[in-house]
Amino acid sequence: MANEKKQVPLRLSAKLYEELAAWAEADFRSVNGQIEYLLTACVRQRKKNGRQIPEEFEASEE
């Protein structure tokens, strides 16, 4: 039960979804797998650096 995954509803712009889908395809992952991979990498980087993502970074370009 330690590896139980949570389901999280997520709304993305069509443009962002298309970018993620293309990236996922290039990396031979599903879109869901790509999002999980990217979030995991971000969390690891934040733990490593001990700081948050810069304010100028915009996650949503709607």
N, C-alpha and C. Protein backbone atom coordinates (compact mmCIF):
# COMPACT_ATOMS: atom_id res chain seq x y z
N MET A 1 0.81 -1.20 0.00
CA MET A 1 0.00 0.00 0.00
C MET A 1 0.85 1.26 0.00
N ALA A 2 2.15 1.15 0.20
CA ALA A 2 3.01 2.32 0.20
C ALA A 2 3.11 2.95 -1.19
N ASN A 3 2.89 2.17 -2.25
CA ASN A 3 2.98 2.68 -3.61
C ASN A 3 1.62 3.09 -4.18
N GLU A 4 0.63 3.20 -3.32
CA GLU A 4 -0.70 3.59 -3.78
C GLU A 4 -0.64 4.99 -4.38
N LYS A 5 -1.22 5.16 -5.55
CA LYS A 5 -1.19 6.45 -6.23
C LYS A 5 -2.52 7.18 -6.03
N LYS A 6 -2.42 8.47 -5.88
CA LYS A 6 -3.59 9.33 -5.74
C LYS A 6 -4.02 9.83 -7.10
N GLN A 7 -5.30 9.98 -7.28
CA GLN A 7 -5.83 10.57 -8.51
C GLN A 7 -6.07 12.04 -8.26
N VAL A 8 -5.63 12.85 -9.20
CA VAL A 8 -5.75 14.30 -9.07
C VAL A 8 -6.35 14.85 -10.37
N PRO A 9 -7.51 15.49 -10.29
CA PRO A 9 -8.06 16.11 -11.49
C PRO A 9 -7.17 17.30 -11.88
N LEU A 10 -6.90 17.43 -13.16
CA LEU A 10 -5.99 18.47 -13.62
C LEU A 10 -6.54 19.10 -14.89
N ARG A 11 -6.60 20.42 -14.88
CA ARG A 11 -7.05 21.15 -16.07
C ARG A 11 -5.85 21.83 -16.69
N LEU A 12 -5.67 21.62 -17.98
CA LEU A 12 -4.56 22.22 -18.71
C LEU A 12 -5.11 22.94 -19.94
N SER A 13 -4.42 23.97 -20.36
CA SER A 13 -4.81 24.61 -21.61
C SER A 13 -4.54 23.63 -22.74
N ALA A 14 -5.23 23.80 -23.84
CA ALA A 14 -5.05 22.92 -24.99
C ALA A 14 -3.61 22.99 -25.50
N LYS A 15 -3.05 24.18 -25.51
CA LYS A 15 -1.67 24.37 -25.98
C LYS A 15 -0.68 23.63 -25.10
N LEU A 16 -0.82 23.76 -23.79
CA LEU A 16 0.08 23.07 -22.86
C LEU A 16 -0.06 21.55 -23.00
N TYR A 17 -1.30 21.07 -23.13
CA TYR A 17 -1.52 19.64 -23.30
C TYR A 17 -0.83 19.14 -24.57
N GLU A 18 -0.96 19.88 -25.67
CA GLU A 18 -0.33 19.48 -26.92
C GLU A 18 1.19 19.41 -26.78
N GLU A 19 1.77 20.39 -26.09
CA GLU A 19 3.22 20.39 -25.85
C GLU A 19 3.63 19.18 -25.01
N LEU A 20 2.89 18.90 -23.96
CA LEU A 20 3.19 17.75 -23.10
C LEU A 20 3.03 16.44 -23.86
N ALA A 21 1.99 16.35 -24.68
CA ALA A 21 1.74 15.13 -25.44
C ALA A 21 2.88 14.86 -26.42
N ALA A 22 3.37 15.91 -27.09
CA ALA A 22 4.48 15.75 -28.03
C ALA A 22 5.76 15.34 -27.29
N TRP A 23 6.00 15.95 -26.14
CA TRP A 23 7.17 15.63 -25.33
C TRP A 23 7.08 14.20 -24.83
N ALA A 24 5.91 13.81 -24.36
CA ALA A 24 5.70 12.46 -23.87
C ALA A 24 5.96 11.43 -24.97
N GLU A 25 5.45 11.72 -26.15
CA GLU A 25 5.65 10.80 -27.28
C GLU A 25 7.13 10.66 -27.61
N ALA A 26 7.86 11.77 -27.58
CA ALA A 26 9.30 11.74 -27.86
C ALA A 26 10.06 10.94 -26.81
N ASP A 27 9.56 10.94 -25.58
CA ASP A 27 10.20 10.21 -24.47
C ASP A 27 9.60 8.82 -24.26
N PHE A 28 8.70 8.41 -25.17
CA PHE A 28 8.03 7.10 -25.08
C PHE A 28 7.29 6.91 -23.76
N ARG A 29 6.55 7.95 -23.35
CA ARG A 29 5.73 7.91 -22.14
C ARG A 29 4.31 8.32 -22.49
N SER A 30 3.38 7.97 -21.61
CA SER A 30 2.02 8.50 -21.71
C SER A 30 2.06 9.94 -21.22
N VAL A 31 1.02 10.70 -21.50
CA VAL A 31 0.96 12.08 -21.00
C VAL A 31 0.97 12.06 -19.47
N ASN A 32 0.20 11.15 -18.88
CA ASN A 32 0.16 11.04 -17.44
C ASN A 32 1.55 10.71 -16.89
N GLY A 33 2.23 9.76 -17.53
CA GLY A 33 3.58 9.39 -17.11
C GLY A 33 4.56 10.54 -17.23
N GLN A 34 4.41 11.34 -18.28
CA GLN A 34 5.29 12.49 -18.48
C GLN A 34 5.06 13.54 -17.40
N ILE A 35 3.81 13.81 -17.08
CA ILE A 35 3.50 14.78 -16.02
C ILE A 35 4.07 14.30 -14.69
N GLU A 36 3.90 13.02 -14.38
CA GLU A 36 4.44 12.47 -13.13
C GLU A 36 5.97 12.56 -13.11
N TYR A 37 6.60 12.25 -14.24
CA TYR A 37 8.05 12.33 -14.34
C TYR A 37 8.54 13.76 -14.09
N LEU A 38 7.90 14.73 -14.74
CA LEU A 38 8.30 16.13 -14.61
C LEU A 38 8.09 16.66 -13.19
N LEU A 39 6.97 16.31 -12.59
CA LEU A 39 6.71 16.74 -11.21
C LEU A 39 7.72 16.13 -10.25
N THR A 40 8.05 14.86 -10.44
CA THR A 40 9.04 14.19 -9.60
C THR A 40 10.40 14.88 -9.74
N ALA A 41 10.79 15.20 -10.97
CA ALA A 41 12.06 15.88 -11.20
C ALA A 41 12.08 17.25 -10.53
N CYS A 42 10.98 17.98 -10.60
CA CYS A 42 10.90 19.31 -9.97
C CYS A 42 11.00 19.21 -8.45
N VAL A 43 10.32 18.24 -7.88
CA VAL A 43 10.37 18.07 -6.42
C VAL A 43 11.79 17.69 -5.98
N ARG A 44 12.43 16.79 -6.71
CA ARG A 44 13.82 16.42 -6.38
C ARG A 44 14.75 17.62 -6.48
N GLN A 45 14.59 18.43 -7.52
CA GLN A 45 15.43 19.61 -7.70
C GLN A 45 15.20 20.62 -6.58
N ARG A 46 13.96 20.79 -6.19
CA ARG A 46 13.65 21.73 -5.10
C ARG A 46 14.27 21.26 -3.80
N LYS A 47 14.20 19.95 -3.53
CA LYS A 47 14.81 19.41 -2.31
C LYS A 47 16.32 19.59 -2.35
N LYS A 48 16.91 19.39 -3.52
CA LYS A 48 18.35 19.51 -3.69
C LYS A 48 18.81 20.95 -3.48
N ASN A 49 18.09 21.89 -4.07
CA ASN A 49 18.46 23.30 -3.99
C ASN A 49 17.99 23.97 -2.71
N GLY A 50 16.95 23.43 -2.12
CA GLY A 50 16.40 24.03 -0.91
C GLY A 50 15.70 25.35 -1.17
N ARG A 51 15.28 25.57 -2.39
CA ARG A 51 14.57 26.82 -2.69
C ARG A 51 13.47 26.56 -3.71
N GLN A 52 12.62 27.52 -3.84
CA GLN A 52 11.48 27.38 -4.73
C GLN A 52 11.85 27.77 -6.15
N ILE A 53 10.95 27.47 -7.08
CA ILE A 53 11.11 27.83 -8.48
C ILE A 53 11.08 29.35 -8.59
N PRO A 54 11.93 29.95 -9.42
CA PRO A 54 11.94 31.42 -9.56
C PRO A 54 10.56 31.98 -9.91
N GLU A 55 10.29 33.18 -9.43
CA GLU A 55 9.00 33.82 -9.65
C GLU A 55 8.72 34.08 -11.12
N GLU A 56 9.76 34.32 -11.92
CA GLU A 56 9.53 34.63 -13.33
C GLU A 56 9.08 33.41 -14.14
N PHE A 57 9.20 32.21 -13.57
CA PHE A 57 8.73 31.01 -14.24
C PHE A 57 7.22 31.01 -14.27
N GLU A 58 6.63 30.86 -15.45
CA GLU A 58 5.18 30.83 -15.58
C GLU A 58 4.77 29.45 -16.03
N ALA A 59 4.10 28.71 -15.15
CA ALA A 59 3.69 27.34 -15.45
C ALA A 59 2.51 27.31 -16.39
N SER A 60 1.70 28.34 -16.39
CA SER A 60 0.50 28.35 -17.22
C SER A 60 0.51 29.54 -18.16
N GLU A 61 0.50 29.24 -19.46
CA GLU A 61 0.46 30.30 -20.46
C GLU A 61 -0.87 30.25 -21.18
N GLU A 62 -1.89 30.76 -20.55
CA GLU A 62 -3.23 30.70 -21.13
C GLU A 62 -3.57 31.94 -21.89
